[in-house]
Protein backbone atom coordinates (compact mmCIF):
# COMPACT_ATOMS: atom_id res chain seq x y z
CA UNK A 1 -24.21 76.22 -8.14
CA UNK A 2 -21.97 77.98 -10.64
CA UNK A 3 -22.46 81.44 -12.08
CA UNK A 4 -20.88 82.73 -15.29
CA UNK A 5 -19.48 86.18 -15.94
CA UNK A 6 -17.94 87.93 -18.94
CA UNK A 7 -14.36 89.12 -18.47
CA UNK A 8 -12.53 91.75 -20.51
CA UNK A 9 -8.93 92.58 -19.64
CA UNK A 10 -7.29 95.54 -21.33
CA UNK A 11 -3.81 96.52 -22.57
CA UNK A 12 -0.99 94.71 -20.75
CA UNK A 13 -3.49 92.59 -18.78
CA UNK A 14 -4.86 90.99 -21.97
CA UNK A 15 -2.37 88.11 -21.63
CA UNK A 16 -4.21 87.01 -18.46
CA UNK A 17 -7.62 86.82 -20.14
CA UNK A 18 -8.85 83.19 -20.18
CA UNK A 19 -10.07 81.46 -23.35
CA UNK A 20 -13.55 81.15 -21.83
CA UNK A 21 -13.74 84.86 -20.93
CA UNK A 22 -17.18 85.19 -22.56
CA UNK A 23 -18.66 82.69 -20.10
CA UNK A 24 -16.20 82.35 -17.20
CA UNK A 25 -17.47 80.15 -14.34
CA UNK A 26 -17.29 81.48 -10.78
CA UNK A 27 -18.66 80.44 -7.42
CA UNK A 28 -21.49 82.64 -6.13
CA UNK A 29 -20.29 85.73 -4.22
CA UNK A 30 -16.75 85.56 -5.67
CA UNK A 31 -15.20 89.00 -5.30
CA UNK A 32 -13.25 90.91 -7.94
CA UNK A 33 -10.15 90.41 -5.78
CA UNK A 34 -10.62 86.62 -5.84
CA UNK A 35 -11.12 86.76 -9.60
CA UNK A 36 -7.92 88.78 -10.08
CA UNK A 37 -6.01 86.25 -7.98
CA UNK A 38 -7.49 83.31 -9.88
CA UNK A 39 -6.46 84.88 -13.20
CA UNK A 40 -2.92 85.44 -11.85
CA UNK A 41 -3.09 89.17 -12.52
CA UNK A 42 -0.52 91.02 -10.36
CA UNK A 43 -2.49 93.11 -7.86
CA UNK A 44 -0.37 96.21 -8.48
CA UNK A 45 -1.37 96.03 -12.16
CA UNK A 46 -5.07 96.56 -11.44
CA UNK A 47 -5.96 100.25 -11.68
CA UNK A 48 -9.58 100.51 -12.83
CA UNK A 49 -12.36 97.97 -12.37
CA UNK A 50 -15.78 98.12 -13.95
CA UNK A 51 -18.68 95.76 -13.25
CA UNK A 52 -21.61 96.21 -15.62
CA UNK A 53 -20.12 99.52 -16.84
CA UNK A 54 -19.92 100.99 -13.31
CA UNK A 55 -16.78 101.64 -11.27
CA UNK A 56 -16.18 98.86 -8.78
CA UNK A 57 -13.71 97.92 -6.06
CA UNK A 58 -11.72 94.77 -5.38
CA UNK A 59 -14.20 93.75 -2.67
CA UNK A 60 -17.19 93.93 -5.05
CA UNK A 61 -19.05 90.58 -5.08
CA UNK A 62 -19.85 89.19 -8.52
CA UNK A 63 -23.07 87.54 -9.62
CA UNK A 64 -24.29 85.54 -12.58
CA UNK A 65 -24.28 87.53 -15.81
CA UNK A 66 -21.94 90.31 -14.63
CA UNK A 67 -19.58 91.92 -17.14
CA UNK A 68 -16.17 92.68 -15.62
CA UNK A 69 -13.60 95.01 -17.18
CA UNK A 70 -10.16 95.47 -15.65
CA UNK A 71 -7.62 98.10 -16.75
CA UNK A 72 -3.94 98.47 -15.82
CA UNK A 73 -2.31 101.78 -14.93
CA UNK A 74 -1.90 103.87 -18.07
CA UNK A 75 1.02 106.17 -18.67
CA UNK A 76 1.31 108.95 -21.14
CA UNK A 77 2.13 112.53 -21.56
């Protein structure tokens, strides 16, 4: 059985966002870490993760209908 999630990658990570980001298929219980690896996002470029508008960790399991946002480190002064 396949679940679908919505993916939004921000700033420099945008290049890794798939064309089907609005309905991205995943296997049940896929973690954010597995998703990041599958999208070929460098692990050191992942700073903030949100699942359904709540802070999440790399080991957070994803389920059908989740909305995932991933942000890179942000510099500024």
